[in-house]
Amino acid sequence: MAINNVVLTGNITKDIELKQTQSGKSVTNISLAVTRRFNKDETDFFELQLWGKVAELAEKYLSKGSKIGVVGAIQQQRWEKDGKKQSKIIINVDQLEFLDNKKKEESNGNNNDIDSSDEFPW
């Protein structure tokens, strides 16, 4: 049996840019800053990849500085460029939790919490 499960909490480091694949599926990559548990002076950065409705909701409600929690799987992406093999590690997000409980617009001066009429698929 193989287990590939990652749980992270941290802050988004830049505003979210939603993209569409050729097949029309939504996708976004997010950089997450995670402060180390036992050394608050050190921070690790992880690249997260969100797909579909989760990516769309993240773009709608989250922005730079938002605190989130994620559950996902480690994935190594591999490609070749100019004859050289390259790779990077990403976290393919399965679950996303908003830990600020605030809408994106709040950073623009509005103080609206996400209300119970907002439904999320996870």
PDB file of N, CA and C in Angstrom:
ATOM      1  N   MET A   1       0.837  -1.172   0.000  1.00  0.00           N
ATOM      2  CA  MET A   1       0.000   0.000   0.000  1.00  0.00           C
ATOM      3  C   MET A   1       0.890   1.245   0.000  1.00  0.00           C
ATOM      4  N   ALA A   2       0.581   2.208  -0.846  1.00  0.00           N
ATOM      5  CA  ALA A   2       1.325   3.468  -0.908  1.00  0.00           C
ATOM      6  C   ALA A   2       0.459   4.599  -0.373  1.00  0.00           C
ATOM      7  N   ILE A   3       1.062   5.457   0.420  1.00  0.00           N
ATOM      8  CA  ILE A   3       0.349   6.622   0.953  1.00  0.00           C
ATOM      9  C   ILE A   3       1.070   7.871   0.481  1.00  0.00           C
ATOM     10  N   ASN A   4       0.323   8.793  -0.101  1.00  0.00           N
ATOM     11  CA  ASN A   4       0.857  10.071  -0.563  1.00  0.00           C
ATOM     12  C   ASN A   4      -0.135  11.135  -0.145  1.00  0.00           C
ATOM     13  N   ASN A   5       0.057  11.689   1.065  1.00  0.00           N
ATOM     14  CA  ASN A   5      -0.886  12.639   1.622  1.00  0.00           C
ATOM     15  C   ASN A   5      -0.118  13.745   2.341  1.00  0.00           C
ATOM     16  N   VAL A   6      -0.464  14.988   2.041  1.00  0.00           N
ATOM     17  CA  VAL A   6       0.196  16.140   2.638  1.00  0.00           C
ATOM     18  C   VAL A   6      -0.872  17.062   3.210  1.00  0.00           C
ATOM     19  N   VAL A   7      -0.640  17.571   4.424  1.00  0.00           N
ATOM     20  CA  VAL A   7      -1.530  18.539   5.049  1.00  0.00           C
ATOM     21  C   VAL A   7      -0.691  19.772   5.380  1.00  0.00           C
ATOM     22  N   LEU A   8      -1.111  20.941   4.874  1.00  0.00           N
ATOM     23  CA  LEU A   8      -0.375  22.184   5.094  1.00  0.00           C
ATOM     24  C   LEU A   8      -1.328  23.310   5.475  1.00  0.00           C
ATOM     25  N   THR A   9      -0.859  24.221   6.319  1.00  0.00           N
ATOM     26  CA  THR A   9      -1.558  25.481   6.548  1.00  0.00           C
ATOM     27  C   THR A   9      -0.541  26.593   6.366  1.00  0.00           C
ATOM     28  N   GLY A  10      -0.982  27.681   5.772  1.00  0.00           N
ATOM     29  CA  GLY A  10      -0.085  28.803   5.548  1.00  0.00           C
ATOM     30  C   GLY A  10      -0.797  29.944   4.869  1.00  0.00           C
ATOM     31  N   ASN A  11       0.001  30.871   4.366  1.00  0.00           N
ATOM     32  CA  ASN A  11      -0.535  32.069   3.721  1.00  0.00           C
ATOM     33  C   ASN A  11      -0.157  32.104   2.247  1.00  0.00           C
ATOM     34  N   ILE A  12      -1.109  32.531   1.433  1.00  0.00           N
ATOM     35  CA  ILE A  12      -0.887  32.670  -0.006  1.00  0.00           C
ATOM     36  C   ILE A  12       0.061  33.840  -0.237  1.00  0.00           C
ATOM     37  N   THR A  13       1.049  33.665  -1.120  1.00  0.00           N
ATOM     38  CA  THR A  13       2.084  34.689  -1.299  1.00  0.00           C
ATOM     39  C   THR A  13       1.810  35.684  -2.423  1.00  0.00           C
ATOM     40  N   LYS A  14       0.825  35.401  -3.287  1.00  0.00           N
ATOM     41  CA  LYS A  14       0.483  36.358  -4.352  1.00  0.00           C
ATOM     42  C   LYS A  14      -0.960  36.134  -4.769  1.00  0.00           C
ATOM     43  N   ASP A  15      -1.547  37.132  -5.435  1.00  0.00           N
ATOM     44  CA  ASP A  15      -2.925  37.003  -5.882  1.00  0.00           C
ATOM     45  C   ASP A  15      -3.060  35.848  -6.863  1.00  0.00           C
ATOM     46  N   ILE A  16      -4.236  35.257  -6.888  1.00  0.00           N
ATOM     47  CA  ILE A  16      -4.495  34.056  -7.669  1.00  0.00           C
ATOM     48  C   ILE A  16      -4.871  34.422  -9.103  1.00  0.00           C
ATOM     49  N   GLU A  17      -4.247  33.720 -10.058  1.00  0.00           N
ATOM     50  CA  GLU A  17      -4.563  33.889 -11.473  1.00  0.00           C
ATOM     51  C   GLU A  17      -5.172  32.594 -11.984  1.00  0.00           C
ATOM     52  N   LEU A  18      -6.435  32.652 -12.346  1.00  0.00           N
ATOM     53  CA  LEU A  18      -7.139  31.482 -12.852  1.00  0.00           C
ATOM     54  C   LEU A  18      -6.859  31.334 -14.345  1.00  0.00           C
ATOM     55  N   LYS A  19      -6.575  30.109 -14.774  1.00  0.00           N
ATOM     56  CA  LYS A  19      -6.331  29.820 -16.197  1.00  0.00           C
ATOM     57  C   LYS A  19      -7.278  28.720 -16.633  1.00  0.00           C
ATOM     58  N   GLN A  20      -7.442  28.587 -17.940  1.00  0.00           N
ATOM     59  CA  GLN A  20      -8.280  27.538 -18.511  1.00  0.00           C
ATOM     60  C   GLN A  20      -7.401  26.628 -19.364  1.00  0.00           C
ATOM     61  N   THR A  21      -7.611  25.318 -19.224  1.00  0.00           N
ATOM     62  CA  THR A  21      -6.899  24.383 -20.090  1.00  0.00           C
ATOM     63  C   THR A  21      -7.575  24.395 -21.462  1.00  0.00           C
ATOM     64  N   GLN A  22      -6.972  23.746 -22.441  1.00  0.00           N
ATOM     65  CA  GLN A  22      -7.568  23.679 -23.771  1.00  0.00           C
ATOM     66  C   GLN A  22      -8.926  22.999 -23.735  1.00  0.00           C
ATOM     67  N   SER A  23      -9.124  22.099 -22.789  1.00  0.00           N
ATOM     68  CA  SER A  23     -10.420  21.424 -22.675  1.00  0.00           C
ATOM     69  C   SER A  23     -11.433  22.232 -21.863  1.00  0.00           C
ATOM     70  N   GLY A  24     -11.025  23.425 -21.369  1.00  0.00           N
ATOM     71  CA  GLY A  24     -11.936  24.309 -20.652  1.00  0.00           C
ATOM     72  C   GLY A  24     -11.974  24.136 -19.152  1.00  0.00           C
ATOM     73  N   LYS A  25     -11.120  23.308 -18.600  1.00  0.00           N
ATOM     74  CA  LYS A  25     -11.085  23.095 -17.151  1.00  0.00           C
ATOM     75  C   LYS A  25     -10.275  24.212 -16.482  1.00  0.00           C
ATOM     76  N   SER A  26     -10.766  24.704 -15.354  1.00  0.00           N
ATOM     77  CA  SER A  26     -10.083  25.765 -14.607  1.00  0.00           C
ATOM     78  C   SER A  26      -8.923  25.188 -13.813  1.00  0.00           C
ATOM     79  N   VAL A  27      -7.829  25.945 -13.760  1.00  0.00           N
ATOM     80  CA  VAL A  27      -6.657  25.541 -12.990  1.00  0.00           C
ATOM     81  C   VAL A  27      -5.941  26.794 -12.496  1.00  0.00           C
ATOM     82  N   THR A  28      -5.325  26.675 -11.326  1.00  0.00           N
ATOM     83  CA  THR A  28      -4.482  27.753 -10.817  1.00  0.00           C
ATOM     84  C   THR A  28      -3.353  27.157  -9.990  1.00  0.00           C
ATOM     85  N   ASN A  29      -2.223  27.834  -9.992  1.00  0.00           N
ATOM     86  CA  ASN A  29      -1.091  27.485  -9.141  1.00  0.00           C
ATOM     87  C   ASN A  29      -0.959  28.563  -8.085  1.00  0.00           C
ATOM     88  N   ILE A  30      -0.785  28.138  -6.855  1.00  0.00           N
ATOM     89  CA  ILE A  30      -0.678  29.050  -5.718  1.00  0.00           C
ATOM     90  C   ILE A  30       0.625  28.761  -5.004  1.00  0.00           C
ATOM     91  N   SER A  31       1.320  29.809  -4.605  1.00  0.00           N
ATOM     92  CA  SER A  31       2.490  29.650  -3.754  1.00  0.00           C
ATOM     93  C   SER A  31       2.035  29.836  -2.307  1.00  0.00           C
ATOM     94  N   LEU A  32       2.381  28.866  -1.450  1.00  0.00           N
ATOM     95  CA  LEU A  32       1.963  28.898  -0.056  1.00  0.00           C
ATOM     96  C   LEU A  32       3.182  29.014   0.847  1.00  0.00           C
ATOM     97  N   ALA A  33       3.181  30.010   1.726  1.00  0.00           N
ATOM     98  CA  ALA A  33       4.245  30.196   2.712  1.00  0.00           C
ATOM     99  C   ALA A  33       3.821  29.515   4.004  1.00  0.00           C
ATOM    100  N   VAL A  34       4.653  28.587   4.474  1.00  0.00           N
ATOM    101  CA  VAL A  34       4.354  27.822   5.687  1.00  0.00           C
ATOM    102  C   VAL A  34       5.476  28.055   6.689  1.00  0.00           C
ATOM    103  N   THR A  35       5.136  28.671   7.811  1.00  0.00           N
ATOM    104  CA  THR A  35       6.117  28.915   8.863  1.00  0.00           C
ATOM    105  C   THR A  35       6.397  27.605   9.578  1.00  0.00           C
ATOM    106  N   ARG A  36       7.663  27.356   9.835  1.00  0.00           N
ATOM    107  CA  ARG A  36       8.040  26.102  10.499  1.00  0.00           C
ATOM    108  C   ARG A  36       7.498  26.074  11.920  1.00  0.00           C
ATOM    109  N   ARG A  37       7.106  24.897  12.315  1.00  0.00           N
ATOM    110  CA  ARG A  37       6.447  24.710  13.603  1.00  0.00           C
ATOM    111  C   ARG A  37       7.346  25.068  14.790  1.00  0.00           C
ATOM    112  N   PHE A  38       8.599  24.638  14.755  1.00  0.00           N
ATOM    113  CA  PHE A  38       9.472  24.832  15.910  1.00  0.00           C
ATOM    114  C   PHE A  38      10.463  25.978  15.743  1.00  0.00           C
ATOM    115  N   ASN A  39      10.507  26.579  14.562  1.00  0.00           N
ATOM    116  CA  ASN A  39      11.384  27.727  14.335  1.00  0.00           C
ATOM    117  C   ASN A  39      10.599  28.759  13.540  1.00  0.00           C
ATOM    118  N   LYS A  40       9.941  29.653  14.251  1.00  0.00           N
ATOM    119  CA  LYS A  40       9.049  30.641  13.627  1.00  0.00           C
ATOM    120  C   LYS A  40       9.788  31.612  12.712  1.00  0.00           C
ATOM    121  N   ASP A  41      11.136  31.627  12.762  1.00  0.00           N
ATOM    122  CA  ASP A  41      11.912  32.515  11.896  1.00  0.00           C
ATOM    123  C   ASP A  41      12.156  31.919  10.515  1.00  0.00           C
ATOM    124  N   GLU A  42      11.781  30.652  10.318  1.00  0.00           N
ATOM    125  CA  GLU A  42      12.010  29.998   9.036  1.00  0.00           C
ATOM    126  C   GLU A  42      10.680  29.683   8.360  1.00  0.00           C
ATOM    127  N   THR A  43      10.647  29.907   7.058  1.00  0.00           N
ATOM    128  CA  THR A  43       9.440  29.681   6.265  1.00  0.00           C
ATOM    129  C   THR A  43       9.788  28.826   5.059  1.00  0.00           C
ATOM    130  N   ASP A  44       8.931  27.870   4.765  1.00  0.00           N
ATOM    131  CA  ASP A  44       9.064  27.049   3.561  1.00  0.00           C
ATOM    132  C   ASP A  44       7.978  27.460   2.578  1.00  0.00           C
ATOM    133  N   PHE A  45       8.269  27.331   1.294  1.00  0.00           N
ATOM    134  CA  PHE A  45       7.325  27.711   0.251  1.00  0.00           C
ATOM    135  C   PHE A  45       6.984  26.489  -0.591  1.00  0.00           C
ATOM    136  N   PHE A  46       5.690  26.300  -0.838  1.00  0.00           N
ATOM    137  CA  PHE A  46       5.207  25.159  -1.596  1.00  0.00           C
ATOM    138  C   PHE A  46       4.342  25.642  -2.747  1.00  0.00           C
ATOM    139  N   GLU A  47       4.465  24.980  -3.897  1.00  0.00           N
ATOM    140  CA  GLU A  47       3.607  25.292  -5.028  1.00  0.00           C
ATOM    141  C   GLU A  47       2.417  24.343  -5.000  1.00  0.00           C
ATOM    142  N   LEU A  48       1.228  24.939  -4.963  1.00  0.00           N
ATOM    143  CA  LEU A  48      -0.009  24.172  -4.939  1.00  0.00           C
ATOM    144  C   LEU A  48      -0.682  24.271  -6.301  1.00  0.00           C
ATOM    145  N   GLN A  49      -1.356  23.211  -6.705  1.00  0.00           N
ATOM    146  CA  GLN A  49      -2.120  23.237  -7.944  1.00  0.00           C
ATOM    147  C   GLN A  49      -3.561  22.856  -7.613  1.00  0.00           C
ATOM    148  N   LEU A  50      -4.506  23.730  -8.007  1.00  0.00           N
ATOM    149  CA  LEU A  50      -5.921  23.513  -7.758  1.00  0.00           C
ATOM    150  C   LEU A  50      -6.641  23.416  -9.091  1.00  0.00           C
ATOM    151  N   TRP A  51      -7.652  22.553  -9.145  1.00  0.00           N
ATOM    152  CA  TRP A  51      -8.372  22.293 -10.383  1.00  0.00           C
ATOM    153  C   TRP A  51      -9.873  22.494 -10.207  1.00  0.00           C
ATOM    154  N   GLY A  52     -10.545  22.794 -11.315  1.00  0.00           N
ATOM    155  CA  GLY A  52     -12.004  22.818 -11.370  1.00  0.00           C
ATOM    156  C   GLY A  52     -12.635  23.845 -10.460  1.00  0.00           C
ATOM    157  N   LYS A  53     -13.733  23.436  -9.805  1.00  0.00           N
ATOM    158  CA  LYS A  53     -14.511  24.330  -8.956  1.00  0.00           C
ATOM    159  C   LYS A  53     -13.688  24.853  -7.782  1.00  0.00           C
ATOM    160  N   VAL A  54     -12.796  24.032  -7.255  1.00  0.00           N
ATOM    161  CA  VAL A  54     -11.949  24.475  -6.139  1.00  0.00           C
ATOM    162  C   VAL A  54     -11.071  25.643  -6.581  1.00  0.00           C
ATOM    163  N   ALA A  55     -10.500  25.568  -7.784  1.00  0.00           N
ATOM    164  CA  ALA A  55      -9.682  26.658  -8.322  1.00  0.00           C
ATOM    165  C   ALA A  55     -10.524  27.916  -8.513  1.00  0.00           C
ATOM    166  N   GLU A  56     -11.737  27.759  -9.019  1.00  0.00           N
ATOM    167  CA  GLU A  56     -12.620  28.911  -9.255  1.00  0.00           C
ATOM    168  C   GLU A  56     -13.014  29.591  -7.947  1.00  0.00           C
ATOM    169  N   LEU A  57     -13.348  28.808  -6.922  1.00  0.00           N
ATOM    170  CA  LEU A  57     -13.704  29.384  -5.626  1.00  0.00           C
ATOM    171  C   LEU A  57     -12.504  30.056  -4.962  1.00  0.00           C
ATOM    172  N   ALA A  58     -11.327  29.472  -5.111  1.00  0.00           N
ATOM    173  CA  ALA A  58     -10.118  30.087  -4.556  1.00  0.00           C
ATOM    174  C   ALA A  58      -9.877  31.446  -5.198  1.00  0.00           C
ATOM    175  N   GLU A  59     -10.029  31.517  -6.515  1.00  0.00           N
ATOM    176  CA  GLU A  59      -9.823  32.789  -7.221  1.00  0.00           C
ATOM    177  C   GLU A  59     -10.853  33.823  -6.781  1.00  0.00           C
ATOM    178  N   LYS A  60     -12.065  33.382  -6.523  1.00  0.00           N
ATOM    179  CA  LYS A  60     -13.148  34.292  -6.140  1.00  0.00           C
ATOM    180  C   LYS A  60     -12.977  34.838  -4.717  1.00  0.00           C
ATOM    181  N   TYR A  61     -12.553  33.979  -3.779  1.00  0.00           N
ATOM    182  CA  TYR A  61     -12.574  34.357  -2.375  1.00  0.00           C
ATOM    183  C   TYR A  61     -11.219  34.606  -1.728  1.00  0.00           C
ATOM    184  N   LEU A  62     -10.128  34.203  -2.369  1.00  0.00           N
ATOM    185  CA  LEU A  62      -8.821  34.317  -1.725  1.00  0.00           C
ATOM    186  C   LEU A  62      -7.925  35.307  -2.450  1.00  0.00           C
ATOM    187  N   SER A  63      -6.956  35.839  -1.725  1.00  0.00           N
ATOM    188  CA  SER A  63      -5.987  36.764  -2.314  1.00  0.00           C
ATOM    189  C   SER A  63      -4.680  36.648  -1.531  1.00  0.00           C
ATOM    190  N   LYS A  64      -3.703  37.413  -1.954  1.00  0.00           N
ATOM    191  CA  LYS A  64      -2.404  37.424  -1.279  1.00  0.00           C
ATOM    192  C   LYS A  64      -2.606  37.645   0.218  1.00  0.00           C
ATOM    193  N   GLY A  65      -1.957  36.803   1.021  1.00  0.00           N
ATOM    194  CA  GLY A  65      -2.044  36.919   2.473  1.00  0.00           C
ATOM    195  C   GLY A  65      -3.124  36.059   3.112  1.00  0.00           C
ATOM    196  N   SER A  66      -4.070  35.557   2.317  1.00  0.00           N
ATOM    197  CA  SER A  66      -5.128  34.711   2.874  1.00  0.00           C
ATOM    198  C   SER A  66      -4.530  33.464   3.514  1.00  0.00           C
ATOM    199  N   LYS A  67      -5.074  33.093   4.670  1.00  0.00           N
ATOM    200  CA  LYS A  67      -4.620  31.883   5.358  1.00  0.00           C
ATOM    201  C   LYS A  67      -5.526  30.731   4.935  1.00  0.00           C
ATOM    202  N   ILE A  68      -4.888  29.629   4.504  1.00  0.00           N
ATOM    203  CA  ILE A  68      -5.638  28.462   4.055  1.00  0.00           C
ATOM    204  C   ILE A  68      -5.048  27.181   4.630  1.00  0.00           C
ATOM    205  N   GLY A  69      -5.834  26.146   4.601  1.00  0.00           N
ATOM    206  CA  GLY A  69      -5.377  24.797   4.911  1.00  0.00           C
ATOM    207  C   GLY A  69      -5.655  23.926   3.697  1.00  0.00           C
ATOM    208  N   VAL A  70      -4.745  23.039   3.380  1.00  0.00           N
ATOM    209  CA  VAL A  70      -4.928  22.163   2.224  1.00  0.00           C
ATOM    210  C   VAL A  70      -4.552  20.726   2.572  1.00  0.00           C
ATOM    211  N   VAL A  71      -5.207  19.811   1.864  1.00  0.00           N
ATOM    212  CA  VAL A  71      -4.846  18.399   1.884  1.00  0.00           C
ATOM    213  C   VAL A  71      -4.630  18.018   0.432  1.00  0.00           C
ATOM    214  N   GLY A  72      -3.531  17.356   0.155  1.00  0.00           N
ATOM    215  CA  GLY A  72      -3.246  16.988  -1.226  1.00  0.00           C
ATOM    216  C   GLY A  72      -2.193  15.910  -1.312  1.00  0.00           C
ATOM    217  N   ALA A  73      -1.733  15.700  -2.527  1.00  0.00           N
ATOM    218  CA  ALA A  73      -0.726  14.678  -2.803  1.00  0.00           C
ATOM    219  C   ALA A  73       0.494  15.321  -3.447  1.00  0.00           C
ATOM    220  N   ILE A  74       1.672  14.832  -3.089  1.00  0.00           N
ATOM    221  CA  ILE A  74       2.908  15.301  -3.706  1.00  0.00           C
ATOM    222  C   ILE A  74       2.980  14.713  -5.108  1.00  0.00           C
ATOM    223  N   GLN A  75       3.331  15.570  -6.057  1.00  0.00           N
ATOM    224  CA  GLN A  75       3.462  15.127  -7.444  1.00  0.00           C
ATOM    225  C   GLN A  75       4.733  15.716  -8.024  1.00  0.00           C
ATOM    226  N   GLN A  76       5.510  14.901  -8.700  1.00  0.00           N
ATOM    227  CA  GLN A  76       6.704  15.387  -9.380  1.00  0.00           C
ATOM    228  C   GLN A  76       6.371  15.549 -10.856  1.00  0.00           C
ATOM    229  N   GLN A  77       6.468  16.788 -11.325  1.00  0.00           N
ATOM    230  CA  GLN A  77       6.257  17.048 -12.750  1.00  0.00           C
ATOM    231  C   GLN A  77       7.608  16.983 -13.447  1.00  0.00           C
ATOM    232  N   ARG A  78       7.649  16.303 -14.583  1.00  0.00           N
ATOM    233  CA  ARG A  78       8.901  16.151 -15.338  1.00  0.00           C
ATOM    234  C   ARG A  78       8.697  16.626 -16.768  1.00  0.00           C
ATOM    235  N   TRP A  79       9.749  17.267 -17.314  1.00  0.00           N
ATOM    236  CA  TRP A  79       9.728  17.702 -18.698  1.00  0.00           C
ATOM    237  C   TRP A  79      11.153  17.860 -19.191  1.00  0.00           C
ATOM    238  N   GLU A  80      11.276  18.062 -20.478  1.00  0.00           N
ATOM    239  CA  GLU A  80      12.595  18.267 -21.073  1.00  0.00           C
ATOM    240  C   GLU A  80      12.607  19.620 -21.762  1.00  0.00           C
ATOM    241  N   LYS A  81      13.669  20.390 -21.521  1.00  0.00           N
ATOM    242  CA  LYS A  81      13.814  21.714 -22.134  1.00  0.00           C
ATOM    243  C   LYS A  81      15.248  21.853 -22.624  1.00  0.00           C
ATOM    244  N   ASP A  82      15.402  22.171 -23.878  1.00  0.00           N
ATOM    245  CA  ASP A  82      16.726  22.333 -24.487  1.00  0.00           C
ATOM    246  C   ASP A  82      17.606  21.105 -24.262  1.00  0.00           C
ATOM    247  N   GLY A  83      16.994  19.931 -24.328  1.00  0.00           N
ATOM    248  CA  GLY A  83      17.739  18.682 -24.181  1.00  0.00           C
ATOM    249  C   GLY A  83      18.065  18.296 -22.750  1.00  0.00           C
ATOM    250  N   LYS A  84      17.625  19.118 -21.771  1.00  0.00           N
ATOM    251  CA  LYS A  84      17.898  18.830 -20.366  1.00  0.00           C
ATOM    252  C   LYS A  84      16.619  18.392 -19.667  1.00  0.00           C
ATOM    253  N   LYS A  85      16.718  17.321 -18.904  1.00  0.00           N
ATOM    254  CA  LYS A  85      15.590  16.865 -18.117  1.00  0.00           C
ATOM    255  C   LYS A  85      15.427  17.766 -16.902  1.00  0.00           C
ATOM    256  N   GLN A  86      14.186  18.190 -16.649  1.00  0.00           N
ATOM    257  CA  GLN A  86      13.899  19.057 -15.522  1.00  0.00           C
ATOM    258  C   GLN A  86      12.703  18.496 -14.762  1.00  0.00           C
ATOM    259  N   SER A  87      12.568  18.922 -13.529  1.00  0.00           N
ATOM    260  CA  SER A  87      11.425  18.496 -12.727  1.00  0.00           C
ATOM    261  C   SER A  87      11.179  19.500 -11.613  1.00  0.00           C
ATOM    262  N   LYS A  88       9.977  19.432 -11.062  1.00  0.00           N
ATOM    263  CA  LYS A  88       9.651  20.217  -9.877  1.00  0.00           C
ATOM    264  C   LYS A  88       8.591  19.451  -9.099  1.00  0.00           C
ATOM    265  N   ILE A  89       8.521  19.740  -7.829  1.00  0.00           N
ATOM    266  CA  ILE A  89       7.554  19.104  -6.938  1.00  0.00           C
ATOM    267  C   ILE A  89       6.411  20.081  -6.697  1.00  0.00           C
ATOM    268  N   ILE A  90       5.176  19.603  -6.841  1.00  0.00           N
ATOM    269  CA  ILE A  90       3.999  20.406  -6.518  1.00  0.00           C
ATOM    270  C   ILE A  90       3.110  19.605  -5.572  1.00  0.00           C
ATOM    271  N   ILE A  91       2.175  20.299  -4.954  1.00  0.00           N
ATOM    272  CA  ILE A  91       1.142  19.660  -4.154  1.00  0.00           C
ATOM    273  C   ILE A  91      -0.156  19.776  -4.948  1.00  0.00           C
ATOM    274  N   ASN A  92      -0.696  18.639  -5.368  1.00  0.00           N
ATOM    275  CA  ASN A  92      -1.955  18.605  -6.106  1.00  0.00           C
ATOM    276  C   ASN A  92      -3.074  18.568  -5.059  1.00  0.00           C
ATOM    277  N   VAL A  93      -3.785  19.694  -4.896  1.00  0.00           N
ATOM    278  CA  VAL A  93      -4.733  19.883  -3.794  1.00  0.00           C
ATOM    279  C   VAL A  93      -6.039  19.132  -4.037  1.00  0.00           C
ATOM    280  N   ASP A  94      -6.438  18.341  -3.032  1.00  0.00           N
ATOM    281  CA  ASP A  94      -7.720  17.641  -3.052  1.00  0.00           C
ATOM    282  C   ASP A  94      -8.764  18.377  -2.225  1.00  0.00           C
ATOM    283  N   GLN A  95      -8.334  18.984  -1.112  1.00  0.00           N
ATOM    284  CA  GLN A  95      -9.242  19.700  -0.222  1.00  0.00           C
ATOM    285  C   GLN A  95      -8.631  21.046   0.143  1.00  0.00           C
ATOM    286  N   LEU A  96      -9.487  22.055   0.236  1.00  0.00           N
ATOM    287  CA  LEU A  96      -9.054  23.413   0.567  1.00  0.00           C
ATOM    288  C   LEU A  96      -9.976  23.958   1.639  1.00  0.00           C
ATOM    289  N   GLU A  97      -9.387  24.556   2.668  1.00  0.00           N
ATOM    290  CA  GLU A  97     -10.188  25.177   3.712  1.00  0.00           C
ATOM    291  C   GLU A  97      -9.745  26.621   3.888  1.00  0.00           C
ATOM    292  N   PHE A  98     -10.724  27.530   3.924  1.00  0.00           N
ATOM    293  CA  PHE A  98     -10.450  28.950   4.141  1.00  0.00           C
ATOM    294  C   PHE A  98     -10.320  29.157   5.647  1.00  0.00           C
ATOM    295  N   LEU A  99      -9.184  29.589   6.110  1.00  0.00           N
ATOM    296  CA  LEU A  99      -8.969  29.763   7.544  1.00  0.00           C
ATOM    297  C   LEU A  99      -9.195  31.196   8.012  1.00  0.00           C
ATOM    298  N   ASP A 100      -9.239  32.162   7.093  1.00  0.00           N
ATOM    299  CA  ASP A 100      -9.540  33.554   7.454  1.00  0.00           C
ATOM    300  C   ASP A 100     -11.033  33.771   7.603  1.00  0.00           C
ATOM    301  N   ASN A 101     -11.845  32.996   6.859  1.00  0.00           N
ATOM    302  CA  ASN A 101     -13.293  33.137   6.824  1.00  0.00           C
ATOM    303  C   ASN A 101     -13.706  34.546   6.397  1.00  0.00           C
ATOM    304  N   LYS A 102     -12.975  35.117   5.418  1.00  0.00           N
ATOM    305  CA  LYS A 102     -13.265  36.448   4.902  1.00  0.00           C
ATOM    306  C   LYS A 102     -13.282  36.404   3.393  1.00  0.00           C
ATOM    307  N   LYS A 103     -14.101  37.249   2.795  1.00  0.00           N
ATOM    308  CA  LYS A 103     -14.142  37.340   1.349  1.00  0.00           C
ATOM    309  C   LYS A 103     -12.948  38.139   0.832  1.00  0.00           C
ATOM    310  N   LYS A 104     -12.589  37.883  -0.392  1.00  0.00           N
ATOM    311  CA  LYS A 104     -11.497  38.570  -1.067  1.00  0.00           C
ATOM    312  C   LYS A 104     -11.699  40.083  -1.044  1.00  0.00           C
ATOM    313  N   GLU A 105     -12.953  40.527  -1.212  1.00  0.00           N
ATOM    314  CA  GLU A 105     -13.239  41.965  -1.293  1.00  0.00           C
ATOM    315  C   GLU A 105     -12.901  42.710  -0.013  1.00  0.00           C
ATOM    316  N   GLU A 106     -12.749  41.983   1.121  1.00  0.00           N
ATOM    317  CA  GLU A 106     -12.452  42.645   2.382  1.00  0.00           C
ATOM    318  C   GLU A 106     -11.171  43.453   2.298  1.00  0.00           C
ATOM    319  N   SER A 107     -10.199  42.960   1.525  1.00  0.00           N
ATOM    320  CA  SER A 107      -8.940  43.686   1.397  1.00  0.00           C
ATOM    321  C   SER A 107      -9.142  45.014   0.678  1.00  0.00           C
ATOM    322  N   ASN A 108     -10.299  45.205   0.037  1.00  0.00           N
ATOM    323  CA  ASN A 108     -10.623  46.463  -0.647  1.00  0.00           C
ATOM    324  C   ASN A 108     -11.468  47.369   0.228  1.00  0.00           C
ATOM    325  N   GLY A 109     -11.585  47.069   1.516  1.00  0.00           N
ATOM    326  CA  GLY A 109     -12.298  47.939   2.426  1.00  0.00           C
ATOM    327  C   GLY A 109     -13.653  47.407   2.859  1.00  0.00           C
ATOM    328  N   ASN A 110     -14.208  46.422   2.219  1.00  0.00           N
ATOM    329  CA  ASN A 110     -15.485  45.842   2.637  1.00  0.00           C
ATOM    330  C   ASN A 110     -15.231  44.821   3.735  1.00  0.00           C
ATOM    331  N   ASN A 111     -16.088  44.806   4.746  1.00  0.00           N
ATOM    332  CA  ASN A 111     -15.930  43.854   5.838  1.00  0.00           C
ATOM    333  C   ASN A 111     -17.022  42.806   5.793  1.00  0.00           C
ATOM    334  N   ASN A 112     -17.090  42.052   4.711  1.00  0.00           N
ATOM    335  CA  ASN A 112     -18.103  41.016   4.546  1.00  0.00           C
ATOM    336  C   ASN A 112     -17.521  39.656   4.829  1.00  0.00           C
ATOM    337  N   ASP A 113     -18.130  38.945   5.775  1.00  0.00           N
ATOM    338  CA  ASP A 113     -17.733  37.555   6.006  1.00  0.00           C
ATOM    339  C   ASP A 113     -18.445  36.683   4.991  1.00  0.00           C
ATOM    340  N   ILE A 114     -17.893  35.509   4.724  1.00  0.00           N
ATOM    341  CA  ILE A 114     -18.582  34.546   3.888  1.00  0.00           C
ATOM    342  C   ILE A 114     -19.761  34.060   4.711  1.00  0.00           C
ATOM    343  N   ASP A 115     -20.978  34.198   4.154  1.00  0.00           N
ATOM    344  CA  ASP A 115     -22.147  33.801   4.941  1.00  0.00           C
ATOM    345  C   ASP A 115     -22.554  32.369   4.631  1.00  0.00           C
ATOM    346  N   SER A 116     -23.524  31.892   5.377  1.00  0.00           N
ATOM    347  CA  SER A 116     -23.923  30.493   5.264  1.00  0.00           C
ATOM    348  C   SER A 116     -24.581  30.161   3.933  1.00  0.00           C
ATOM    349  N   SER A 117     -24.947  31.170   3.155  1.00  0.00           N
ATOM    350  CA  SER A 117     -25.547  30.892   1.845  1.00  0.00           C
ATOM    351  C   SER A 117     -24.484  30.497   0.813  1.00  0.00           C
ATOM    352  N   ASP A 118     -23.224  30.758   1.112  1.00  0.00           N
ATOM    353  CA  ASP A 118     -22.138  30.337   0.237  1.00  0.00           C
ATOM    354  C   ASP A 118     -21.898  28.850   0.463  1.00  0.00           C
ATOM    355  N   GLU A 119     -22.028  28.057  -0.590  1.00  0.00           N
ATOM    356  CA  GLU A 119     -21.826  26.629  -0.461  1.00  0.00           C
ATOM    357  C   GLU A 119     -20.571  26.222  -1.195  1.00  0.00           C
ATOM    358  N   PHE A 120     -19.799  25.354  -0.578  1.00  0.00           N
ATOM    359  CA  PHE A 120     -18.554  24.892  -1.146  1.00  0.00           C
ATOM    360  C   PHE A 120     -18.622  23.387  -1.342  1.00  0.00           C
ATOM    361  N   PRO A 121     -17.988  22.875  -2.390  1.00  0.00           N
ATOM    362  CA  PRO A 121     -18.123  21.450  -2.727  1.00  0.00           C
ATOM    363  C   PRO A 121     -17.285  20.521  -1.871  1.00  0.00           C
ATOM    364  N   TRP A 122     -16.559  20.980  -0.911  1.00  0.00           N
ATOM    365  CA  TRP A 122     -15.717  20.068  -0.145  1.00  0.00           C
ATOM    366  C   TRP A 122     -16.181  19.954   1.283  1.00  0.00           C
TER     367      TRP A 122
END
